[in-house]
Amino acid sequence: MHTIRDKLIDCQTEHVFELVQKAINQGIDAATIVNDGLTAGIRVLGNRFEKGEAFLPELAVAAETMKQALEILEPHLAKTVDEDALGTVVIGTVQGDIHDIGKSIVATMLTVAGFTVHDLGIDVAPMDFVTKAKEEKANIIAMSALLTTTMERMQETVDLLKKEHLDQQVKVMVGGAPVSQQFADSIGADGYGVDFNQAVKIAKRLTGHSDKTT
């Protein structure tokens, strides 16, 4: 697992995929591959980024690599469902916005922290957020926007949750370059994260796990 971890840290994407498949073929438990290989690597990079020792492009590549590796592992992970998941998060970039890097990193870090994450991708309509949250019995909807013109989709999603009488069960987190705490408060969001570390802390707080380490 150390090799998978090290290759992920070095952003050697193809090697990560090869090693993950090799581990599966050897009968290694999928959860072990995730926890001791992929998660361990992304945590190292996350810590380096926080200290200014790694850069956003590196973290973005590693996050995308982990996302694709998890897709390879998904059929095997289904056999080992984590009963101790901190909660379920539906995440996406709002409708009209196609920026993906920040959202993908947050999705990856939430997965690493112990959440079950459903990433809807980019250009996600308010109803799609709400519908998926209902399907998955999600605890949190997390929305990202990089364009000021698309931020109003966040308000629409919050309003739709209220209309569906889900606002007490499903918390809302928002983030992105133009988003602020003031804006989050104005639309009735439950949390605002300025970066991925803050997003994880807020998600834990919203699900009653704020006493656990990130």
N, C-alpha and C. Protein backbone atom coordinates (compact mmCIF):
# COMPACT_ATOMS: atom_id res chain seq x y z
N MET A 1 0.82 -1.22 0.00
CA MET A 1 0.00 0.00 0.00
C MET A 1 0.85 1.27 0.00
N HIS A 2 2.06 1.14 0.55
CA HIS A 2 2.94 2.30 0.57
C HIS A 2 3.29 2.75 -0.85
N THR A 3 3.40 1.79 -1.77
CA THR A 3 3.73 2.15 -3.15
C THR A 3 2.60 2.95 -3.78
N ILE A 4 1.36 2.52 -3.56
CA ILE A 4 0.22 3.27 -4.08
C ILE A 4 0.22 4.67 -3.48
N ARG A 5 0.44 4.74 -2.19
CA ARG A 5 0.49 6.05 -1.52
C ARG A 5 1.55 6.94 -2.16
N ASP A 6 2.76 6.40 -2.33
CA ASP A 6 3.86 7.20 -2.83
C ASP A 6 3.64 7.64 -4.28
N LYS A 7 3.07 6.75 -5.10
CA LYS A 7 2.81 7.11 -6.50
C LYS A 7 1.72 8.18 -6.58
N LEU A 8 0.75 8.13 -5.67
CA LEU A 8 -0.28 9.16 -5.66
C LEU A 8 0.32 10.50 -5.26
N ILE A 9 1.17 10.49 -4.26
CA ILE A 9 1.84 11.72 -3.83
C ILE A 9 2.65 12.32 -4.97
N ASP A 10 3.28 11.45 -5.76
CA ASP A 10 4.11 11.90 -6.89
C ASP A 10 3.28 12.19 -8.15
N CYS A 11 1.95 12.04 -8.03
CA CYS A 11 1.03 12.30 -9.16
C CYS A 11 1.33 11.42 -10.37
N GLN A 12 1.77 10.19 -10.12
CA GLN A 12 2.02 9.24 -11.20
C GLN A 12 0.74 8.42 -11.44
N THR A 13 -0.19 9.06 -12.13
CA THR A 13 -1.56 8.56 -12.26
C THR A 13 -1.63 7.13 -12.78
N GLU A 14 -0.98 6.86 -13.92
CA GLU A 14 -1.09 5.54 -14.53
C GLU A 14 -0.54 4.45 -13.62
N HIS A 15 0.55 4.76 -12.92
CA HIS A 15 1.11 3.79 -11.99
C HIS A 15 0.14 3.49 -10.85
N VAL A 16 -0.58 4.52 -10.40
CA VAL A 16 -1.56 4.31 -9.34
C VAL A 16 -2.63 3.33 -9.80
N PHE A 17 -3.16 3.55 -11.01
CA PHE A 17 -4.21 2.67 -11.53
C PHE A 17 -3.70 1.23 -11.66
N GLU A 18 -2.47 1.08 -12.17
CA GLU A 18 -1.90 -0.25 -12.34
C GLU A 18 -1.74 -0.96 -11.00
N LEU A 19 -1.26 -0.22 -10.01
CA LEU A 19 -1.04 -0.81 -8.69
C LEU A 19 -2.35 -1.15 -7.99
N VAL A 20 -3.35 -0.30 -8.19
CA VAL A 20 -4.66 -0.58 -7.60
C VAL A 20 -5.23 -1.87 -8.20
N GLN A 21 -5.16 -1.99 -9.53
CA GLN A 21 -5.66 -3.20 -10.19
C GLN A 21 -4.88 -4.43 -9.75
N LYS A 22 -3.58 -4.28 -9.61
CA LYS A 22 -2.74 -5.40 -9.16
C LYS A 22 -3.13 -5.84 -7.75
N ALA A 23 -3.39 -4.86 -6.89
CA ALA A 23 -3.80 -5.18 -5.51
C ALA A 23 -5.14 -5.92 -5.50
N ILE A 24 -6.06 -5.48 -6.36
CA ILE A 24 -7.36 -6.16 -6.46
C ILE A 24 -7.16 -7.61 -6.90
N ASN A 25 -6.30 -7.80 -7.92
CA ASN A 25 -6.05 -9.13 -8.44
C ASN A 25 -5.40 -10.04 -7.41
N GLN A 26 -4.67 -9.44 -6.49
CA GLN A 26 -4.02 -10.22 -5.42
C GLN A 26 -4.96 -10.51 -4.27
N GLY A 27 -6.20 -10.01 -4.38
CA GLY A 27 -7.18 -10.29 -3.34
C GLY A 27 -7.10 -9.39 -2.13
N ILE A 28 -6.38 -8.29 -2.25
CA ILE A 28 -6.29 -7.35 -1.12
C ILE A 28 -7.62 -6.64 -0.94
N ASP A 29 -8.06 -6.52 0.29
CA ASP A 29 -9.35 -5.89 0.60
C ASP A 29 -9.41 -4.47 0.05
N ALA A 30 -10.53 -4.15 -0.61
CA ALA A 30 -10.67 -2.84 -1.24
C ALA A 30 -10.56 -1.70 -0.23
N ALA A 31 -11.12 -1.90 0.95
CA ALA A 31 -11.07 -0.86 1.98
C ALA A 31 -9.62 -0.60 2.40
N THR A 32 -8.80 -1.64 2.41
CA THR A 32 -7.39 -1.48 2.75
C THR A 32 -6.67 -0.67 1.69
N ILE A 33 -6.99 -0.93 0.42
CA ILE A 33 -6.39 -0.18 -0.68
C ILE A 33 -6.74 1.30 -0.54
N VAL A 34 -8.00 1.57 -0.23
CA VAL A 34 -8.45 2.96 -0.09
C VAL A 34 -7.78 3.62 1.11
N ASN A 35 -7.86 2.97 2.26
CA ASN A 35 -7.39 3.60 3.49
C ASN A 35 -5.87 3.72 3.57
N ASP A 36 -5.17 2.62 3.28
CA ASP A 36 -3.72 2.61 3.46
C ASP A 36 -2.95 3.09 2.24
N GLY A 37 -3.61 3.13 1.08
CA GLY A 37 -2.95 3.59 -0.12
C GLY A 37 -3.41 4.97 -0.55
N LEU A 38 -4.64 5.05 -1.07
CA LEU A 38 -5.13 6.31 -1.63
C LEU A 38 -5.34 7.39 -0.57
N THR A 39 -6.03 7.04 0.49
CA THR A 39 -6.31 8.03 1.53
C THR A 39 -5.04 8.53 2.19
N ALA A 40 -4.14 7.61 2.46
CA ALA A 40 -2.87 8.00 3.08
C ALA A 40 -2.11 8.99 2.21
N GLY A 41 -2.11 8.75 0.89
CA GLY A 41 -1.40 9.63 -0.03
C GLY A 41 -2.02 11.01 -0.12
N ILE A 42 -3.34 11.06 -0.22
CA ILE A 42 -4.00 12.36 -0.35
C ILE A 42 -3.88 13.16 0.93
N ARG A 43 -3.82 12.48 2.07
CA ARG A 43 -3.63 13.18 3.34
C ARG A 43 -2.26 13.84 3.41
N VAL A 44 -1.25 13.12 2.95
CA VAL A 44 0.10 13.69 2.94
C VAL A 44 0.13 14.94 2.07
N LEU A 45 -0.45 14.86 0.87
CA LEU A 45 -0.47 16.02 -0.02
C LEU A 45 -1.29 17.16 0.58
N GLY A 46 -2.41 16.83 1.20
CA GLY A 46 -3.24 17.85 1.83
C GLY A 46 -2.49 18.58 2.92
N ASN A 47 -1.75 17.84 3.73
CA ASN A 47 -0.95 18.46 4.79
C ASN A 47 0.15 19.34 4.21
N ARG A 48 0.77 18.86 3.13
CA ARG A 48 1.83 19.65 2.48
C ARG A 48 1.26 20.93 1.89
N PHE A 49 0.07 20.82 1.29
CA PHE A 49 -0.57 22.00 0.71
C PHE A 49 -0.87 23.03 1.80
N GLU A 50 -1.36 22.55 2.92
CA GLU A 50 -1.70 23.46 4.02
C GLU A 50 -0.47 24.19 4.54
N LYS A 51 0.69 23.52 4.48
CA LYS A 51 1.94 24.12 4.96
C LYS A 51 2.66 24.91 3.87
N GLY A 52 2.08 24.95 2.66
CA GLY A 52 2.72 25.65 1.56
C GLY A 52 3.82 24.86 0.90
N GLU A 53 3.85 23.55 1.14
CA GLU A 53 4.90 22.69 0.59
C GLU A 53 4.45 21.95 -0.67
N ALA A 54 3.17 22.08 -1.02
CA ALA A 54 2.64 21.50 -2.26
C ALA A 54 1.72 22.54 -2.89
N PHE A 55 1.43 22.36 -4.17
CA PHE A 55 0.68 23.37 -4.90
C PHE A 55 -0.65 22.82 -5.40
N LEU A 56 -1.57 23.72 -5.69
CA LEU A 56 -2.92 23.34 -6.09
C LEU A 56 -2.95 22.38 -7.28
N PRO A 57 -2.14 22.60 -8.34
CA PRO A 57 -2.18 21.64 -9.46
C PRO A 57 -1.85 20.21 -9.02
N GLU A 58 -0.90 20.06 -8.10
CA GLU A 58 -0.56 18.72 -7.60
C GLU A 58 -1.75 18.10 -6.89
N LEU A 59 -2.38 18.88 -6.03
CA LEU A 59 -3.52 18.38 -5.28
C LEU A 59 -4.68 18.05 -6.22
N ALA A 60 -4.86 18.86 -7.25
CA ALA A 60 -5.94 18.62 -8.21
C ALA A 60 -5.71 17.31 -8.97
N VAL A 61 -4.48 17.08 -9.41
CA VAL A 61 -4.16 15.84 -10.13
C VAL A 61 -4.37 14.63 -9.22
N ALA A 62 -3.89 14.74 -7.99
CA ALA A 62 -4.03 13.64 -7.04
C ALA A 62 -5.49 13.36 -6.73
N ALA A 63 -6.28 14.43 -6.59
CA ALA A 63 -7.71 14.27 -6.30
C ALA A 63 -8.42 13.57 -7.45
N GLU A 64 -8.10 13.96 -8.69
CA GLU A 64 -8.72 13.32 -9.85
C GLU A 64 -8.27 11.87 -9.98
N THR A 65 -7.00 11.62 -9.67
CA THR A 65 -6.48 10.25 -9.72
C THR A 65 -7.20 9.37 -8.70
N MET A 66 -7.37 9.90 -7.49
CA MET A 66 -8.07 9.13 -6.46
C MET A 66 -9.52 8.89 -6.86
N LYS A 67 -10.15 9.89 -7.45
CA LYS A 67 -11.54 9.75 -7.89
C LYS A 67 -11.68 8.61 -8.89
N GLN A 68 -10.76 8.55 -9.87
CA GLN A 68 -10.82 7.50 -10.89
C GLN A 68 -10.45 6.14 -10.30
N ALA A 69 -9.51 6.14 -9.35
CA ALA A 69 -9.14 4.88 -8.70
C ALA A 69 -10.31 4.33 -7.88
N LEU A 70 -11.07 5.22 -7.27
CA LEU A 70 -12.24 4.78 -6.50
C LEU A 70 -13.30 4.17 -7.41
N GLU A 71 -13.36 4.67 -8.65
CA GLU A 71 -14.30 4.09 -9.62
C GLU A 71 -13.90 2.65 -9.95
N ILE A 72 -12.59 2.41 -10.03
CA ILE A 72 -12.10 1.05 -10.26
C ILE A 72 -12.47 0.15 -9.08
N LEU A 73 -12.37 0.71 -7.90
CA LEU A 73 -12.60 -0.06 -6.67
C LEU A 73 -14.06 -0.19 -6.29
N GLU A 74 -14.91 0.64 -6.88
CA GLU A 74 -16.32 0.72 -6.44
C GLU A 74 -17.03 -0.64 -6.38
N PRO A 75 -16.90 -1.51 -7.40
CA PRO A 75 -17.60 -2.81 -7.32
C PRO A 75 -17.15 -3.65 -6.14
N HIS A 76 -15.91 -3.48 -5.74
CA HIS A 76 -15.36 -4.25 -4.63
C HIS A 76 -15.69 -3.60 -3.29
N LEU A 77 -15.77 -2.27 -3.29
CA LEU A 77 -16.13 -1.57 -2.06
C LEU A 77 -17.57 -1.83 -1.68
N ALA A 78 -18.41 -2.13 -2.65
CA ALA A 78 -19.82 -2.40 -2.37
C ALA A 78 -19.98 -3.59 -1.44
N LYS A 79 -18.99 -4.45 -1.43
CA LYS A 79 -19.05 -5.63 -0.56
C LYS A 79 -18.64 -5.31 0.87
N THR A 80 -18.01 -4.15 1.03
CA THR A 80 -17.50 -3.78 2.36
C THR A 80 -17.99 -2.39 2.72
N VAL A 81 -19.31 -2.26 2.82
CA VAL A 81 -19.90 -0.96 3.13
C VAL A 81 -19.44 -0.50 4.50
N ASP A 82 -19.04 0.75 4.58
CA ASP A 82 -18.54 1.31 5.83
C ASP A 82 -19.71 1.74 6.71
N GLU A 83 -19.95 0.99 7.76
CA GLU A 83 -21.05 1.32 8.67
C GLU A 83 -20.73 2.55 9.52
N ASP A 84 -19.47 2.93 9.55
CA ASP A 84 -19.05 4.04 10.40
C ASP A 84 -18.91 5.35 9.64
N ALA A 85 -19.48 5.44 8.44
CA ALA A 85 -19.41 6.69 7.67
C ALA A 85 -19.99 7.84 8.48
N LEU A 86 -19.35 8.99 8.38
CA LEU A 86 -19.77 10.14 9.17
C LEU A 86 -21.10 10.72 8.69
N GLY A 87 -21.44 10.46 7.44
CA GLY A 87 -22.67 10.99 6.87
C GLY A 87 -22.59 10.93 5.36
N THR A 88 -23.65 11.35 4.71
CA THR A 88 -23.72 11.31 3.25
C THR A 88 -23.80 12.73 2.69
N VAL A 89 -22.95 13.02 1.72
CA VAL A 89 -22.88 14.34 1.12
C VAL A 89 -23.14 14.24 -0.38
N VAL A 90 -24.03 15.08 -0.88
CA VAL A 90 -24.24 15.25 -2.31
C VAL A 90 -23.55 16.56 -2.70
N ILE A 91 -22.62 16.48 -3.63
CA ILE A 91 -21.81 17.65 -3.96
C ILE A 91 -21.81 17.90 -5.46
N GLY A 92 -21.68 19.16 -5.86
CA GLY A 92 -21.60 19.48 -7.28
C GLY A 92 -21.35 20.96 -7.50
N THR A 93 -20.99 21.29 -8.73
CA THR A 93 -20.87 22.68 -9.16
C THR A 93 -22.22 23.11 -9.73
N VAL A 94 -22.68 24.28 -9.36
CA VAL A 94 -24.06 24.68 -9.67
C VAL A 94 -24.30 24.89 -11.16
N GLN A 95 -25.55 24.88 -11.52
CA GLN A 95 -25.98 25.02 -12.92
C GLN A 95 -25.44 26.30 -13.55
N GLY A 96 -24.90 26.16 -14.77
CA GLY A 96 -24.33 27.28 -15.48
C GLY A 96 -22.84 27.46 -15.24
N ASP A 97 -22.28 26.63 -14.36
CA ASP A 97 -20.86 26.75 -13.99
C ASP A 97 -20.18 25.42 -14.28
N ILE A 98 -19.03 25.46 -14.95
CA ILE A 98 -18.35 24.22 -15.32
C ILE A 98 -16.99 24.08 -14.65
N HIS A 99 -16.74 24.87 -13.62
CA HIS A 99 -15.46 24.77 -12.90
C HIS A 99 -15.49 23.58 -11.95
N ASP A 100 -14.44 22.79 -12.01
CA ASP A 100 -14.49 21.47 -11.37
C ASP A 100 -13.40 21.22 -10.34
N ILE A 101 -12.27 21.91 -10.43
CA ILE A 101 -11.10 21.54 -9.63
C ILE A 101 -11.37 21.64 -8.13
N GLY A 102 -11.83 22.81 -7.67
CA GLY A 102 -12.05 23.00 -6.24
C GLY A 102 -13.07 22.04 -5.69
N LYS A 103 -14.17 21.88 -6.42
CA LYS A 103 -15.23 20.96 -5.99
C LYS A 103 -14.72 19.53 -5.89
N SER A 104 -13.92 19.10 -6.86
CA SER A 104 -13.40 17.74 -6.86
C SER A 104 -12.46 17.50 -5.69
N ILE A 105 -11.65 18.50 -5.36
CA ILE A 105 -10.75 18.36 -4.21
C ILE A 105 -11.56 18.24 -2.92
N VAL A 106 -12.58 19.09 -2.77
CA VAL A 106 -13.42 19.01 -1.57
C VAL A 106 -14.10 17.65 -1.49
N ALA A 107 -14.61 17.15 -2.63
CA ALA A 107 -15.27 15.83 -2.64
C ALA A 107 -14.30 14.74 -2.20
N THR A 108 -13.07 14.82 -2.70
CA THR A 108 -12.07 13.83 -2.34
C THR A 108 -11.73 13.90 -0.86
N MET A 109 -11.54 15.11 -0.34
CA MET A 109 -11.16 15.27 1.06
C MET A 109 -12.30 14.86 2.00
N LEU A 110 -13.54 15.08 1.58
CA LEU A 110 -14.68 14.61 2.38
C LEU A 110 -14.71 13.08 2.41
N THR A 111 -14.39 12.46 1.27
CA THR A 111 -14.31 11.00 1.22
C THR A 111 -13.22 10.49 2.14
N VAL A 112 -12.07 11.14 2.08
CA VAL A 112 -10.94 10.76 2.93
C VAL A 112 -11.31 10.90 4.41
N ALA A 113 -12.08 11.94 4.73
CA ALA A 113 -12.46 12.19 6.12
C ALA A 113 -13.45 11.17 6.65
N GLY A 114 -14.11 10.44 5.76
CA GLY A 114 -15.02 9.40 6.22
C GLY A 114 -16.47 9.57 5.82
N PHE A 115 -16.73 10.51 4.90
CA PHE A 115 -18.10 10.70 4.42
C PHE A 115 -18.35 9.85 3.18
N THR A 116 -19.60 9.47 2.99
CA THR A 116 -20.03 8.88 1.72
C THR A 116 -20.40 10.04 0.81
N VAL A 117 -19.71 10.16 -0.32
CA VAL A 117 -19.85 11.33 -1.18
C VAL A 117 -20.40 10.94 -2.55
N HIS A 118 -21.44 11.66 -2.97
CA HIS A 118 -21.99 11.49 -4.32
C HIS A 118 -21.71 12.77 -5.09
N ASP A 119 -20.74 12.70 -6.01
CA ASP A 119 -20.32 13.86 -6.79
C ASP A 119 -21.14 13.93 -8.08
N LEU A 120 -21.98 14.95 -8.19
CA LEU A 120 -22.84 15.10 -9.37
C LEU A 120 -22.13 15.81 -10.51
N GLY A 121 -20.90 16.26 -10.28
CA GLY A 121 -20.13 16.89 -11.35
C GLY A 121 -20.41 18.38 -11.47
N ILE A 122 -20.48 18.85 -12.71
CA ILE A 122 -20.64 20.28 -12.98
C ILE A 122 -22.03 20.57 -13.56
N ASP A 123 -22.39 21.86 -13.58
CA ASP A 123 -23.63 22.31 -14.22
C ASP A 123 -24.85 21.57 -13.64
N VAL A 124 -24.93 21.52 -12.33
CA VAL A 124 -25.98 20.75 -11.64
C VAL A 124 -27.16 21.65 -11.29
N ALA A 125 -28.33 21.29 -11.75
CA ALA A 125 -29.54 22.07 -11.48
C ALA A 125 -30.00 21.91 -10.04
N PRO A 126 -30.66 22.92 -9.48
CA PRO A 126 -31.17 22.82 -8.10
C PRO A 126 -31.99 21.55 -7.85
N MET A 127 -32.90 21.22 -8.77
CA MET A 127 -33.72 20.02 -8.58
C MET A 127 -32.91 18.75 -8.55
N ASP A 128 -31.79 18.72 -9.31
CA ASP A 128 -30.94 17.53 -9.32
C ASP A 128 -30.25 17.34 -7.97
N PHE A 129 -29.83 18.43 -7.36
CA PHE A 129 -29.26 18.35 -6.01
C PHE A 129 -30.29 17.76 -5.04
N VAL A 130 -31.48 18.32 -5.08
CA VAL A 130 -32.52 17.92 -4.13
C VAL A 130 -32.97 16.48 -4.37
N THR A 131 -33.16 16.13 -5.62
CA THR A 131 -33.59 14.77 -5.95
C THR A 131 -32.57 13.73 -5.48
N LYS A 132 -31.29 14.01 -5.72
CA LYS A 132 -30.24 13.07 -5.30
C LYS A 132 -30.16 13.00 -3.78
N ALA A 133 -30.33 14.13 -3.12
CA ALA A 133 -30.31 14.15 -1.66
C ALA A 133 -31.43 13.29 -1.10
N LYS A 134 -32.60 13.34 -1.73
CA LYS A 134 -33.73 12.52 -1.29
C LYS A 134 -33.44 11.04 -1.53
N GLU A 135 -32.89 10.73 -2.70
CA GLU A 135 -32.60 9.33 -3.05
C GLU A 135 -31.60 8.71 -2.08
N GLU A 136 -30.58 9.48 -1.73
CA GLU A 136 -29.49 8.95 -0.92
C GLU A 136 -29.67 9.21 0.58
N LYS A 137 -30.80 9.87 0.93
CA LYS A 137 -31.02 10.26 2.33
C LYS A 137 -29.81 11.03 2.86
N ALA A 138 -29.38 12.00 2.07
CA ALA A 138 -28.16 12.76 2.36
C ALA A 138 -28.33 13.65 3.58
N ASN A 139 -27.22 13.85 4.27
CA ASN A 139 -27.17 14.78 5.40
C ASN A 139 -26.83 16.19 4.93
N ILE A 140 -26.08 16.28 3.82
CA ILE A 140 -25.56 17.57 3.37
C ILE A 140 -25.63 17.68 1.85
N ILE A 141 -26.01 18.85 1.37
CA ILE A 141 -25.79 19.23 -0.02
C ILE A 141 -24.67 20.27 -0.02
N ALA A 142 -23.60 20.01 -0.78
CA ALA A 142 -22.47 20.94 -0.87
C ALA A 142 -22.40 21.48 -2.29
N MET A 143 -22.46 22.80 -2.42
CA MET A 143 -22.47 23.43 -3.74
C MET A 143 -21.29 24.36 -3.92
N SER A 144 -20.74 24.35 -5.14
CA SER A 144 -19.62 25.21 -5.48
C SER A 144 -19.98 26.10 -6.67
N ALA A 145 -19.47 27.32 -6.64
CA ALA A 145 -19.64 28.23 -7.79
C ALA A 145 -18.38 29.07 -7.92
N LEU A 146 -17.96 29.32 -9.15
CA LEU A 146 -16.82 30.19 -9.39
C LEU A 146 -17.25 31.47 -10.10
N LEU A 147 -18.46 31.47 -10.63
CA LEU A 147 -18.98 32.64 -11.33
C LEU A 147 -20.06 33.31 -10.50
N THR A 148 -19.99 34.63 -10.37
CA THR A 148 -21.00 35.35 -9.59
C THR A 148 -22.38 35.18 -10.21
N THR A 149 -22.43 34.99 -11.52
CA THR A 149 -23.71 34.87 -12.21
C THR A 149 -24.43 33.57 -11.90
N THR A 150 -23.71 32.59 -11.34
CA THR A 150 -24.34 31.30 -11.05
C THR A 150 -24.65 31.12 -9.57
N MET A 151 -24.25 32.06 -8.75
CA MET A 151 -24.46 31.92 -7.31
C MET A 151 -25.93 31.85 -6.93
N GLU A 152 -26.78 32.45 -7.74
CA GLU A 152 -28.21 32.45 -7.41
C GLU A 152 -28.79 31.05 -7.46
N ARG A 153 -28.13 30.12 -8.15
CA ARG A 153 -28.60 28.73 -8.15
C ARG A 153 -28.54 28.14 -6.74
N MET A 154 -27.60 28.64 -5.94
CA MET A 154 -27.51 28.17 -4.56
C MET A 154 -28.75 28.57 -3.77
N GLN A 155 -29.17 29.82 -3.95
CA GLN A 155 -30.39 30.29 -3.31
C GLN A 155 -31.59 29.45 -3.74
N GLU A 156 -31.65 29.15 -5.03
CA GLU A 156 -32.78 28.37 -5.56
C GLU A 156 -32.81 26.97 -4.94
N THR A 157 -31.63 26.40 -4.72
CA THR A 157 -31.57 25.06 -4.13
C THR A 157 -32.04 25.09 -2.69
N VAL A 158 -31.61 26.10 -1.94
CA VAL A 158 -32.05 26.25 -0.55
C VAL A 158 -33.57 26.42 -0.51
N ASP A 159 -34.10 27.24 -1.38
CA ASP A 159 -35.55 27.48 -1.43
C ASP A 159 -36.30 26.20 -1.78
N LEU A 160 -35.72 25.41 -2.69
CA LEU A 160 -36.36 24.17 -3.10
C LEU A 160 -36.38 23.16 -1.96
N LEU A 161 -35.31 23.11 -1.18
CA LEU A 161 -35.28 22.23 -0.01
C LEU A 161 -36.40 22.60 0.96
N LYS A 162 -36.59 23.90 1.16
CA LYS A 162 -37.67 24.35 2.05
C LYS A 162 -39.03 23.96 1.49
N LYS A 163 -39.19 24.13 0.19
CA LYS A 163 -40.46 23.79 -0.45
C LYS A 163 -40.77 22.31 -0.31
N GLU A 164 -39.72 21.48 -0.35
CA GLU A 164 -39.88 20.04 -0.23
C GLU A 164 -39.89 19.58 1.23
N HIS A 165 -39.82 20.56 2.15
CA HIS A 165 -39.81 20.27 3.60
C HIS A 165 -38.63 19.39 4.00
N LEU A 166 -37.49 19.64 3.35
CA LEU A 166 -36.28 18.87 3.64
C LEU A 166 -35.21 19.69 4.34
N ASP A 167 -35.49 20.97 4.57
CA ASP A 167 -34.46 21.86 5.10
C ASP A 167 -34.03 21.51 6.51
N GLN A 168 -34.84 20.76 7.25
CA GLN A 168 -34.45 20.35 8.59
C GLN A 168 -33.58 19.10 8.58
N GLN A 169 -33.76 18.27 7.54
CA GLN A 169 -32.98 17.03 7.45
C GLN A 169 -31.68 17.20 6.68
N VAL A 170 -31.69 18.08 5.68
CA VAL A 170 -30.53 18.23 4.79
C VAL A 170 -29.89 19.61 5.01
N LYS A 171 -28.65 19.62 5.44
CA LYS A 171 -27.92 20.87 5.62
C LYS A 171 -27.28 21.29 4.30
N VAL A 172 -27.01 22.58 4.18
CA VAL A 172 -26.43 23.11 2.93
C VAL A 172 -25.09 23.77 3.22
N MET A 173 -24.07 23.36 2.47
CA MET A 173 -22.76 23.99 2.50
C MET A 173 -22.49 24.64 1.16
N VAL A 174 -21.87 25.82 1.17
CA VAL A 174 -21.53 26.49 -0.09
C VAL A 174 -20.08 26.94 -0.06
N GLY A 175 -19.49 27.08 -1.25
CA GLY A 175 -18.11 27.53 -1.35
C GLY A 175 -17.79 27.94 -2.78
N GLY A 176 -16.58 28.46 -2.96
CA GLY A 176 -16.15 28.94 -4.27
C GLY A 176 -15.61 30.35 -4.14
N ALA A 177 -14.83 30.76 -5.12
CA ALA A 177 -14.12 32.04 -5.05
C ALA A 177 -15.01 33.25 -4.76
N PRO A 178 -16.17 33.39 -5.40
CA PRO A 178 -16.97 34.59 -5.16
C PRO A 178 -17.88 34.49 -3.94
N VAL A 179 -17.95 33.31 -3.33
CA VAL A 179 -18.86 33.07 -2.21
C VAL A 179 -18.22 33.55 -0.91
N SER A 180 -19.03 34.09 -0.03
CA SER A 180 -18.55 34.59 1.26
C SER A 180 -19.47 34.12 2.37
N GLN A 181 -19.02 34.31 3.60
CA GLN A 181 -19.87 33.98 4.74
C GLN A 181 -21.14 34.81 4.72
N GLN A 182 -20.99 36.07 4.34
CA GLN A 182 -22.15 36.97 4.26
C GLN A 182 -23.18 36.44 3.26
N PHE A 183 -22.70 36.00 2.10
CA PHE A 183 -23.62 35.46 1.09
C PHE A 183 -24.28 34.19 1.61
N ALA A 184 -23.48 33.31 2.23
CA ALA A 184 -24.02 32.06 2.77
C ALA A 184 -25.14 32.35 3.76
N ASP A 185 -24.91 33.33 4.63
CA ASP A 185 -25.93 33.70 5.62
C ASP A 185 -27.18 34.26 4.94
N SER A 186 -26.97 35.03 3.89
CA SER A 186 -28.09 35.70 3.23
C SER A 186 -29.04 34.73 2.54
N ILE A 187 -28.52 33.56 2.10
CA ILE A 187 -29.38 32.60 1.41
C ILE A 187 -29.88 31.50 2.35
N GLY A 188 -29.42 31.54 3.58
CA GLY A 188 -29.87 30.54 4.54
C GLY A 188 -29.08 29.25 4.52
N ALA A 189 -27.84 29.30 3.99
CA ALA A 189 -26.99 28.11 4.01
C ALA A 189 -26.52 27.85 5.44
N ASP A 190 -26.21 26.58 5.72
CA ASP A 190 -25.81 26.20 7.07
C ASP A 190 -24.31 26.30 7.29
N GLY A 191 -23.54 26.38 6.21
CA GLY A 191 -22.10 26.45 6.36
C GLY A 191 -21.43 27.00 5.13
N TYR A 192 -20.27 27.63 5.33
CA TYR A 192 -19.47 28.18 4.24
C TYR A 192 -18.02 27.77 4.46
N GLY A 193 -17.40 27.20 3.43
CA GLY A 193 -16.01 26.79 3.53
C GLY A 193 -15.13 27.56 2.57
N VAL A 194 -14.11 28.20 3.11
CA VAL A 194 -13.21 28.99 2.28
C VAL A 194 -12.21 28.11 1.53
N ASP A 195 -11.95 26.89 2.05
CA ASP A 195 -11.06 25.94 1.39
C ASP A 195 -11.46 24.53 1.80
N PHE A 196 -10.73 23.53 1.30
CA PHE A 196 -11.16 22.15 1.54
C PHE A 196 -11.03 21.75 3.00
N ASN A 197 -10.03 22.27 3.71
CA ASN A 197 -9.89 21.95 5.13
C ASN A 197 -11.08 22.47 5.92
N GLN A 198 -11.47 23.70 5.61
CA GLN A 198 -12.62 24.29 6.30
C GLN A 198 -13.90 23.53 5.94
N ALA A 199 -14.01 23.11 4.69
CA ALA A 199 -15.20 22.37 4.26
C ALA A 199 -15.37 21.08 5.05
N VAL A 200 -14.27 20.38 5.26
CA VAL A 200 -14.33 19.13 6.03
C VAL A 200 -14.75 19.40 7.47
N LYS A 201 -14.18 20.43 8.07
CA LYS A 201 -14.54 20.78 9.44
C LYS A 201 -16.01 21.13 9.55
N ILE A 202 -16.52 21.89 8.59
CA ILE A 202 -17.93 22.29 8.62
C ILE A 202 -18.83 21.08 8.44
N ALA A 203 -18.47 20.19 7.51
CA ALA A 203 -19.28 18.99 7.29
C ALA A 203 -19.34 18.14 8.56
N LYS A 204 -18.23 18.05 9.25
CA LYS A 204 -18.22 17.30 10.51
C LYS A 204 -19.10 17.97 11.56
N ARG A 205 -19.00 19.28 11.62
CA ARG A 205 -19.83 20.02 12.59
C ARG A 205 -21.31 19.84 12.28
N LEU A 206 -21.67 19.92 11.02
CA LEU A 206 -23.08 19.81 10.63
C LEU A 206 -23.65 18.41 10.87
N THR A 207 -22.77 17.42 10.95
CA THR A 207 -23.23 16.06 11.19
C THR A 207 -22.93 15.60 12.62
N GLY A 208 -22.52 16.55 13.47
CA GLY A 208 -22.30 16.22 14.88
C GLY A 208 -21.01 15.49 15.17
N HIS A 209 -20.01 15.67 14.29
CA HIS A 209 -18.72 15.00 14.48
C HIS A 209 -17.59 16.00 14.66
N SER A 210 -17.88 17.19 15.16
CA SER A 210 -16.87 18.23 15.25
C SER A 210 -15.76 17.90 16.23
N ASP A 211 -15.97 16.89 17.08
CA ASP A 211 -14.94 16.51 18.05
C ASP A 211 -13.93 15.57 17.44
N LYS A 212 -14.17 15.12 16.18
CA LYS A 212 -13.23 14.20 15.54
C LYS A 212 -12.19 14.96 14.74
N THR A 213 -11.02 14.39 14.66
CA THR A 213 -9.93 15.07 13.95
C THR A 213 -10.12 14.97 12.46
N THR A 214 -9.56 15.95 11.74
CA THR A 214 -9.64 15.93 10.29
C THR A 214 -8.56 15.07 9.71
